Amino acid sequence: MLVSRRAGALTCWGTAYLLGAVSLDEADAATVGPDAAHRVVGVPGEDAPVTVSIALGRLRSRGVTGLRLVLPEAGDPTGLPGPTTFTAVAVAAGAAVVGVAAPGAQAYALVASSAGTGASGDVVRWDLVGVDFSVAPAGLPTLSEAERTLLETMAASTDELAALDVARGRDDVAQRLRRLDRSLRDIDLPSNLPARAQRLVATASRLLGVLDIASETDGAALTASEALRRSDALRPLRTAVRYALCAAYSAAAEVGAPPGPR
């Protein structure tokens, strides 16, 4: 979940800067959040790793107008551009931030390749690479489509969701759920992200957290066959949650806005 949170923050705050809604310093600070530092490697014209603010400034000068979040999994690279080497790296990382560029312009994407621990916290490395949109990738849903699909999938998964009462009699899991709910209150989103998208970020983030906790604690309560059946039954919901996060964090790039003076 931390992977999607970091990539989501870069997506929505980076887009807010590219659309003129926030300053570079605001976008940098909100992306880094509680981490010690974020550094971007591979920025055109820069031989050494640079800050998020420098990377965003370079992307804007090269025609990038927005950022889109992609949360791929093995067997589902939906939303990723080529080449295949980038697709493999992004799937392994579990998240990528893809630049929206004008037709004919070089397209770019960022992947968080590592997160080391420094004296004051995590130091996250992002790799900026050129990507190829000559063959359009399978598209992710729009905000409206993702919102509707998530609601429909949740309704179809009522029994499975009811079975995820993983906190019953498990103090350790109950504590994890409380920590999850506290962490959701700390999600910092820019004001230019539509209210519907902000609500969807919160809903999908909690569902993803619950699914992660359940998958990690199944072994204590279920047989192997029961755990497999639950995993199969919940797979469509997990996919809908991933797509909902992608659409919600990317909503400002979907809507678009003329760049402001900042």
Protein backbone atom coordinates (compact mmCIF):
# COMPACT_ATOMS: atom_id res chain seq x y z
CA MET A 1 0.00 0.00 0.00
CA LEU A 2 2.95 2.33 0.67
CA VAL A 3 4.02 1.93 -2.96
CA SER A 4 0.66 3.11 -4.26
CA ARG A 5 0.56 5.96 -1.70
CA ARG A 6 3.94 7.35 -2.79
CA ALA A 7 3.18 7.01 -6.50
CA GLY A 8 -0.28 8.47 -5.98
CA ALA A 9 1.15 11.49 -4.19
CA LEU A 10 3.63 12.15 -6.99
CA THR A 11 0.82 11.76 -9.54
CA CYS A 12 -1.70 14.16 -8.07
CA TRP A 13 0.72 16.76 -6.70
CA GLY A 14 2.90 16.64 -9.82
CA THR A 15 -0.18 17.18 -11.96
CA ALA A 16 -1.28 20.03 -9.70
CA TYR A 17 2.03 21.77 -10.40
CA LEU A 18 1.92 21.04 -14.13
CA LEU A 19 -1.57 22.57 -14.27
CA GLY A 20 -0.48 25.62 -12.30
CA ALA A 21 -2.49 24.86 -9.16
CA VAL A 22 0.47 24.64 -6.76
CA SER A 23 4.10 25.72 -6.68
CA LEU A 24 7.09 23.44 -7.24
CA ASP A 25 7.97 23.62 -3.55
CA GLU A 26 4.43 22.61 -2.55
CA ALA A 27 4.43 19.68 -4.98
CA ASP A 28 7.87 18.53 -3.78
CA ALA A 29 6.99 18.73 -0.08
CA ALA A 30 3.67 16.93 -0.49
CA THR A 31 5.23 14.16 -2.60
CA VAL A 32 8.05 13.53 -0.12
CA GLY A 33 5.63 13.64 2.81
CA PRO A 34 7.03 11.85 5.89
CA ASP A 35 10.00 10.40 3.98
CA ALA A 36 13.46 11.89 4.49
CA ALA A 37 13.98 12.66 0.80
CA HIS A 38 13.06 11.67 -2.75
CA ARG A 39 15.61 11.75 -5.54
CA VAL A 40 14.99 11.33 -9.27
CA VAL A 41 17.60 9.66 -11.50
CA GLY A 42 17.74 10.00 -15.28
CA VAL A 43 16.35 13.52 -15.66
CA PRO A 44 17.34 14.98 -19.05
CA GLY A 45 20.23 17.42 -18.70
CA GLU A 46 21.11 16.24 -15.18
CA ASP A 47 24.06 13.95 -14.50
CA ALA A 48 23.25 13.42 -10.81
CA PRO A 49 20.06 12.60 -8.91
CA VAL A 50 17.81 15.63 -8.44
CA THR A 51 14.89 16.66 -6.28
CA VAL A 52 11.28 16.10 -7.28
CA SER A 53 10.91 19.84 -7.92
CA ILE A 54 13.75 19.89 -10.46
CA ALA A 55 12.41 16.76 -12.17
CA LEU A 56 8.90 18.23 -12.46
CA GLY A 57 10.30 21.47 -13.83
CA ARG A 58 12.25 19.59 -16.51
CA LEU A 59 9.19 17.52 -17.44
CA ARG A 60 7.07 20.64 -17.82
CA SER A 61 9.70 22.25 -20.07
CA ARG A 62 9.56 19.14 -22.26
CA GLY A 63 5.81 19.33 -22.79
CA VAL A 64 4.47 17.05 -20.06
CA THR A 65 1.07 18.42 -19.02
CA GLY A 66 -0.06 15.88 -16.44
CA LEU A 67 0.72 12.59 -14.73
CA ARG A 68 -1.24 9.34 -14.60
CA LEU A 69 -0.93 6.59 -11.99
CA VAL A 70 -0.66 2.96 -13.07
CA LEU A 71 -0.73 0.10 -10.53
CA PRO A 72 0.11 -3.01 -12.56
CA GLU A 73 0.29 -6.58 -11.33
CA ALA A 74 1.74 -9.70 -12.89
CA GLY A 75 -0.53 -10.63 -15.78
CA ASP A 76 -2.23 -7.22 -15.80
CA PRO A 77 -0.07 -4.40 -17.25
CA THR A 78 -3.14 -2.29 -18.05
CA GLY A 79 -2.21 1.34 -18.64
CA LEU A 80 1.51 0.81 -19.13
CA PRO A 81 3.30 2.01 -22.27
CA GLY A 82 6.22 0.19 -23.86
CA PRO A 83 8.92 -0.84 -24.26
CA THR A 84 8.64 -4.30 -22.73
CA THR A 85 11.71 -3.66 -20.58
CA PHE A 86 9.89 -0.76 -18.89
CA THR A 87 6.72 -2.83 -18.51
CA ALA A 88 8.66 -5.55 -16.68
CA VAL A 89 10.26 -3.01 -14.33
CA ALA A 90 6.95 -1.30 -13.60
CA VAL A 91 5.15 -4.58 -12.90
CA ALA A 92 7.94 -5.64 -10.54
CA ALA A 93 7.69 -2.29 -8.73
CA GLY A 94 3.90 -2.43 -8.56
CA ALA A 95 3.47 1.21 -9.57
CA ALA A 96 4.44 3.71 -12.25
CA VAL A 97 3.73 7.38 -12.88
CA VAL A 98 3.26 8.05 -16.58
CA GLY A 99 3.53 11.51 -18.11
CA VAL A 100 0.81 12.91 -20.35
CA ALA A 101 2.53 14.59 -23.29
CA ALA A 102 1.49 16.38 -26.45
CA PRO A 103 1.31 14.25 -29.63
CA GLY A 104 4.76 13.72 -31.07
CA ALA A 105 6.56 14.72 -27.87
CA GLN A 106 8.79 12.30 -25.98
CA ALA A 107 6.80 10.50 -23.31
CA TYR A 108 8.25 9.82 -19.85
CA ALA A 109 7.44 7.65 -16.86
CA LEU A 110 8.77 7.33 -13.32
CA VAL A 111 9.20 4.20 -11.22
CA ALA A 112 10.27 4.11 -7.58
CA SER A 113 13.11 1.62 -7.83
CA SER A 114 14.25 1.60 -4.21
CA ALA A 115 13.66 3.06 -0.78
CA GLY A 116 16.70 3.09 1.48
CA THR A 117 16.70 4.16 5.11
CA GLY A 118 18.73 7.19 6.12
CA ALA A 119 19.37 8.80 9.48
CA SER A 120 16.08 10.72 9.31
CA GLY A 121 13.87 8.25 7.47
CA ASP A 122 13.29 6.65 4.06
CA VAL A 123 15.16 7.97 1.03
CA VAL A 124 13.19 7.07 -2.11
CA ARG A 125 14.79 6.79 -5.55
CA TRP A 126 12.71 7.36 -8.66
CA ASP A 127 13.98 6.39 -12.12
CA LEU A 128 12.79 8.63 -14.97
CA VAL A 129 12.78 6.85 -18.33
CA GLY A 130 11.55 7.53 -21.83
CA VAL A 131 8.60 5.38 -22.86
CA ASP A 132 6.94 4.55 -26.15
CA PHE A 133 3.29 5.33 -26.85
CA SER A 134 3.53 4.44 -30.55
CA VAL A 135 1.44 1.40 -29.68
CA ALA A 136 -1.26 2.61 -27.32
CA PRO A 137 -1.55 0.49 -24.17
CA ALA A 138 -4.86 -0.89 -22.98
CA GLY A 139 -6.51 2.05 -21.26
CA LEU A 140 -7.45 2.42 -17.61
CA PRO A 141 -11.02 3.50 -16.79
CA THR A 142 -12.03 7.11 -16.33
CA LEU A 143 -12.97 8.37 -12.87
CA SER A 144 -16.68 7.82 -13.51
CA GLU A 145 -16.11 4.33 -14.92
CA ALA A 146 -13.80 3.32 -12.08
CA GLU A 147 -16.19 4.64 -9.43
CA ARG A 148 -19.13 2.78 -10.94
CA THR A 149 -17.17 -0.47 -11.38
CA LEU A 150 -15.93 -0.37 -7.79
CA LEU A 151 -19.45 0.10 -6.43
CA GLU A 152 -20.80 -2.71 -8.61
CA THR A 153 -17.95 -5.06 -7.67
CA MET A 154 -18.39 -4.30 -3.97
CA ALA A 155 -22.09 -5.11 -4.28
CA ALA A 156 -21.28 -8.38 -6.03
CA SER A 157 -18.72 -9.23 -3.32
CA THR A 158 -21.01 -8.68 -0.33
CA ASP A 159 -20.52 -12.18 1.09
CA GLU A 160 -16.75 -12.08 0.65
CA LEU A 161 -16.53 -8.62 2.23
CA ALA A 162 -18.59 -9.80 5.19
CA ALA A 163 -16.16 -12.69 5.62
CA LEU A 164 -13.30 -10.19 5.95
CA ASP A 165 -14.21 -9.51 9.58
CA VAL A 166 -10.58 -10.30 10.23
CA ALA A 167 -10.51 -8.36 13.49
CA ARG A 168 -12.92 -10.68 15.30
CA GLY A 169 -10.98 -12.12 18.22
CA ARG A 170 -7.64 -10.98 16.79
CA ASP A 171 -6.20 -8.07 18.74
CA ASP A 172 -3.15 -7.80 16.49
CA VAL A 173 -5.30 -7.48 13.38
CA ALA A 174 -7.66 -5.03 15.08
CA GLN A 175 -4.64 -2.84 15.85
CA ARG A 176 -3.56 -2.98 12.21
CA LEU A 177 -7.02 -1.91 11.08
CA ARG A 178 -6.97 1.01 13.52
CA ARG A 179 -3.54 2.04 12.21
CA LEU A 180 -4.92 1.80 8.68
CA ASP A 181 -7.80 4.12 9.53
CA ARG A 182 -5.43 6.61 11.18
CA SER A 183 -3.14 6.57 8.14
CA LEU A 184 -6.05 7.39 5.84
CA ARG A 185 -6.60 10.64 7.74
CA ASP A 186 -3.05 11.65 6.81
CA ILE A 187 -3.52 11.40 3.03
CA ASP A 188 -2.68 14.85 1.66
CA LEU A 189 -4.40 15.71 -1.61
CA PRO A 190 -4.26 18.94 -3.66
CA SER A 191 -7.34 21.13 -3.79
CA ASN A 192 -7.56 20.89 -7.58
CA LEU A 193 -8.26 17.15 -7.35
CA PRO A 194 -12.05 16.79 -7.78
CA ALA A 195 -14.00 16.03 -4.61
CA ARG A 196 -15.29 12.78 -6.13
CA ALA A 197 -11.72 11.70 -6.73
CA GLN A 198 -10.69 12.57 -3.18
CA ARG A 199 -13.52 10.45 -1.79
CA LEU A 200 -12.57 7.58 -4.09
CA VAL A 201 -8.93 7.74 -2.96
CA ALA A 202 -10.09 7.28 0.65
CA THR A 203 -12.57 4.49 -0.13
CA ALA A 204 -10.23 2.52 -2.39
CA SER A 205 -7.23 3.01 -0.08
CA ARG A 206 -9.12 1.54 2.87
CA LEU A 207 -10.37 -1.39 0.81
CA LEU A 208 -6.85 -2.09 -0.44
CA GLY A 209 -5.55 -1.99 3.12
CA VAL A 210 -8.25 -4.39 4.34
CA LEU A 211 -7.56 -6.77 1.47
CA ASP A 212 -3.84 -6.69 2.23
CA ILE A 213 -4.39 -7.36 5.93
CA ALA A 214 -6.81 -10.19 5.17
CA SER A 215 -4.42 -11.85 2.73
CA GLU A 216 -1.62 -11.72 5.30
CA THR A 217 -3.74 -13.18 8.11
CA ASP A 218 -5.73 -15.85 6.24
CA GLY A 219 -3.29 -18.56 7.24
CA ALA A 220 -4.27 -18.32 10.89
CA ALA A 221 -7.98 -18.79 10.28
CA LEU A 222 -8.47 -20.64 6.99
CA THR A 223 -7.39 -23.87 5.40
CA ALA A 224 -5.29 -23.62 2.25
CA SER A 225 -8.30 -24.42 0.05
CA GLU A 226 -10.50 -21.89 1.85
CA ALA A 227 -7.84 -19.20 1.50
CA LEU A 228 -7.52 -19.96 -2.22
CA ARG A 229 -11.28 -19.76 -2.74
CA ARG A 230 -11.43 -16.43 -0.91
CA SER A 231 -8.51 -15.08 -2.95
CA ASP A 232 -10.19 -16.11 -6.21
CA ALA A 233 -13.50 -14.60 -5.12
CA LEU A 234 -11.90 -11.30 -4.16
CA ARG A 235 -9.63 -10.94 -7.19
CA PRO A 236 -12.18 -8.88 -9.19
CA LEU A 237 -12.57 -6.56 -6.20
CA ARG A 238 -8.82 -6.10 -5.86
CA THR A 239 -8.60 -5.25 -9.56
CA ALA A 240 -11.45 -2.74 -9.22
CA VAL A 241 -9.70 -1.17 -6.22
CA ARG A 242 -6.41 -0.79 -8.14
CA TYR A 243 -8.17 0.77 -11.10
CA ALA A 244 -10.13 3.09 -8.79
CA LEU A 245 -6.92 4.36 -7.20
CA CYS A 246 -5.38 4.92 -10.63
CA ALA A 247 -8.39 6.91 -11.81
CA ALA A 248 -8.80 8.88 -8.58
CA TYR A 249 -5.18 9.99 -8.21
CA SER A 250 -5.08 10.80 -11.96
CA ALA A 251 -8.39 12.64 -12.09
CA ALA A 252 -6.96 16.14 -12.50
CA ALA A 253 -4.96 15.02 -15.53
CA GLU A 254 -8.13 13.47 -16.94
CA VAL A 255 -10.14 16.66 -16.47
CA GLY A 256 -7.29 18.99 -17.42
CA ALA A 257 -7.02 22.72 -16.99
CA PRO A 258 -5.09 25.53 -18.63
CA PRO A 259 -1.73 26.03 -16.91
CA GLY A 260 -1.69 28.89 -14.46
CA PRO A 261 1.08 31.35 -13.68
CA ARG A 262 2.83 29.26 -11.00
